[in-house]
């Protein structure tokens, strides 16, 4: 479903990870080389709407936090679509190996929020949502899969 469909709201997500080594390092090579396949899997998953990317097709050069932090941001039709991609697809292979590539977070590193259909959230908007989650816990403004809030007016 493309941006501008008949739904009033879509689910946005931000997920960040602080790399254990430089993105050009041998330690990060397998992950970095898999990004195109991971992103293609997302884009072909039912319910996918949009994802943040630069001219290379990835978001690895988009810096919102610091140079060692990779940003993944996307928009989905609903919770089930995103959940299916994250936890029930080939993506789980990489989740299971994340300790090889990313430092274990000590605070929230993923945030969800509702956006009007057709809206492409900015990295700054996503950062604000994550900071809100860290400071206030899950609310209708910023939440998690575990403490989820339904779309507005539902």
Protein backbone atom coordinates (compact mmCIF):
# COMPACT_ATOMS: atom_id res chain seq x y z
CA UNK A 1 0.00 0.00 0.00
CA UNK A 2 1.46 3.35 -0.97
CA UNK A 3 1.52 6.58 0.95
CA UNK A 4 -1.77 8.38 0.49
CA UNK A 5 -4.00 5.30 0.76
CA UNK A 6 -7.44 5.30 2.40
CA UNK A 7 -6.23 4.62 5.96
CA UNK A 8 -6.15 7.65 8.23
CA UNK A 9 -3.03 6.58 10.16
CA UNK A 10 0.06 4.48 9.65
CA UNK A 11 2.53 3.17 12.19
CA UNK A 12 6.00 4.73 12.19
CA UNK A 13 8.99 3.09 13.82
CA UNK A 14 12.53 4.11 14.67
CA UNK A 15 15.16 1.59 15.67
CA UNK A 16 18.73 2.60 16.43
CA UNK A 17 21.86 0.60 17.06
CA UNK A 18 25.33 1.66 18.16
CA UNK A 19 27.89 -0.28 16.15
CA UNK A 20 30.64 -2.21 17.93
CA UNK A 21 33.12 -1.24 15.22
CA UNK A 22 33.48 1.16 12.31
CA UNK A 23 31.01 0.56 9.49
CA UNK A 24 33.95 -0.12 7.12
CA UNK A 25 35.48 -2.75 9.44
CA UNK A 26 35.67 -6.47 8.81
CA UNK A 27 33.54 -7.02 11.93
CA UNK A 28 30.64 -5.02 10.44
CA UNK A 29 31.08 -6.26 6.84
CA UNK A 30 28.53 -9.09 6.92
CA UNK A 31 25.83 -6.86 8.38
CA UNK A 32 26.56 -3.94 6.06
CA UNK A 33 26.60 -6.27 3.04
CA UNK A 34 23.20 -7.70 4.05
CA UNK A 35 21.43 -4.32 4.24
CA UNK A 36 20.16 -4.39 0.66
CA UNK A 37 18.57 -7.81 1.22
CA UNK A 38 17.14 -6.80 4.61
CA UNK A 39 15.65 -3.64 3.11
CA UNK A 40 14.25 -5.50 0.10
CA UNK A 41 12.60 -7.96 2.47
CA UNK A 42 10.97 -5.05 4.31
CA UNK A 43 9.84 -3.35 1.10
CA UNK A 44 8.22 -6.53 -0.21
CA UNK A 45 6.49 -7.40 3.06
CA UNK A 46 2.71 -6.81 2.95
CA UNK A 47 1.88 -3.67 4.89
CA UNK A 48 5.14 -1.85 4.19
CA UNK A 49 4.59 1.81 3.27
CA UNK A 50 7.90 3.75 3.36
CA UNK A 51 11.41 3.75 4.79
CA UNK A 52 14.10 6.35 5.36
CA UNK A 53 16.93 6.13 2.85
CA UNK A 54 19.53 8.30 1.21
CA UNK A 55 20.77 8.32 -2.38
CA UNK A 56 22.55 4.98 -1.81
CA UNK A 57 19.27 3.27 -0.93
CA UNK A 58 20.19 2.85 2.73
CA UNK A 59 20.22 5.11 5.78
CA UNK A 60 23.75 4.29 6.96
CA UNK A 61 25.05 7.80 6.30
CA UNK A 62 22.12 9.57 7.96
CA UNK A 63 23.37 10.76 11.34
CA UNK A 64 20.76 11.65 13.94
CA UNK A 65 22.49 10.61 17.16
CA UNK A 66 26.21 10.10 16.55
CA UNK A 67 28.42 8.62 13.88
CA UNK A 68 28.45 5.16 15.50
CA UNK A 69 24.65 4.89 15.62
CA UNK A 70 22.77 3.43 12.67
CA UNK A 71 19.19 4.56 12.15
CA UNK A 72 16.35 2.48 10.74
CA UNK A 73 13.04 4.25 10.27
CA UNK A 74 9.99 3.02 8.40
CA UNK A 75 6.23 3.37 8.14
CA UNK A 76 3.77 0.47 8.06
CA UNK A 77 0.04 0.04 7.56
CA UNK A 78 -0.42 -1.37 11.05
CA UNK A 79 1.12 -3.15 14.02
CA UNK A 80 0.68 -6.65 12.60
CA UNK A 81 2.53 -5.81 9.38
CA UNK A 82 5.53 -4.37 11.21
CA UNK A 83 5.53 -7.12 13.85
CA UNK A 84 5.42 -9.78 11.14
CA UNK A 85 8.43 -8.32 9.38
CA UNK A 86 10.47 -7.78 12.54
CA UNK A 87 9.75 -11.04 14.37
CA UNK A 88 8.36 -13.55 11.84
CA UNK A 89 10.46 -13.15 8.70
CA UNK A 90 14.05 -13.62 7.58
CA UNK A 91 14.80 -10.45 9.54
CA UNK A 92 14.92 -12.56 12.72
CA UNK A 93 18.22 -14.08 11.57
CA UNK A 94 19.84 -10.68 11.99
CA UNK A 95 18.07 -9.91 15.26
CA UNK A 96 19.51 -13.12 16.66
CA UNK A 97 23.02 -12.01 15.75
CA UNK A 98 22.76 -8.32 16.75
CA UNK A 99 25.31 -8.70 19.57
CA UNK A 100 27.96 -9.35 16.91
CA UNK A 101 27.39 -5.92 15.38
CA UNK A 102 25.75 -3.67 17.96
CA UNK A 103 26.34 -2.68 21.55
CA UNK A 104 23.54 -3.78 23.84
CA UNK A 105 21.37 -0.77 24.59
CA UNK A 106 21.01 0.48 28.14
CA UNK A 107 17.88 2.48 27.34
CA UNK A 108 15.04 2.42 24.82
CA UNK A 109 16.35 2.00 21.26
CA UNK A 110 13.05 1.44 19.42
CA UNK A 111 9.96 3.60 19.37
CA UNK A 112 6.59 3.44 17.62
CA UNK A 113 4.08 6.22 16.94
CA UNK A 114 1.11 6.91 14.69
CA UNK A 115 1.44 9.30 11.75
CA UNK A 116 -1.25 10.58 9.41
CA UNK A 117 -1.33 8.48 6.23
CA UNK A 118 0.93 10.13 3.67
CA UNK A 119 3.30 11.64 6.24
CA UNK A 120 6.98 10.73 5.96
CA UNK A 121 8.51 11.33 9.39
CA UNK A 122 11.84 13.13 9.59
CA UNK A 123 14.84 11.81 11.50
CA UNK A 124 14.47 14.74 13.90
CA UNK A 125 10.83 13.84 14.54
CA UNK A 126 11.81 10.24 15.22
CA UNK A 127 14.57 11.31 17.60
CA UNK A 128 12.08 13.47 19.52
CA UNK A 129 9.74 10.47 19.85
CA UNK A 130 12.54 8.25 21.16
CA UNK A 131 13.64 10.92 23.64
CA UNK A 132 10.03 11.27 24.79
CA UNK A 133 9.78 7.51 25.33
CA UNK A 134 13.01 7.50 27.32
CA UNK A 135 11.90 10.41 29.50
CA UNK A 136 8.21 9.58 30.02
CA UNK A 137 7.79 5.89 29.24
CA UNK A 138 5.16 4.64 26.80
CA UNK A 139 2.37 7.11 26.01
CA UNK A 140 0.16 7.73 23.00
CA UNK A 141 2.97 10.01 21.75
CA UNK A 142 5.68 7.32 21.78
CA UNK A 143 5.29 3.64 22.64
CA UNK A 144 6.57 0.10 22.10
CA UNK A 145 5.26 -3.26 20.91
CA UNK A 146 5.05 -4.38 24.54
CA UNK A 147 3.13 -1.29 25.65
CA UNK A 148 1.18 -0.51 22.50
CA UNK A 149 -1.42 2.18 21.87
CA UNK A 150 -4.04 1.79 19.16
CA UNK A 151 -4.27 4.32 16.36
CA UNK A 152 -6.16 7.54 17.17
CA UNK A 153 -9.96 7.47 16.78
CA UNK A 154 -10.08 3.69 16.63
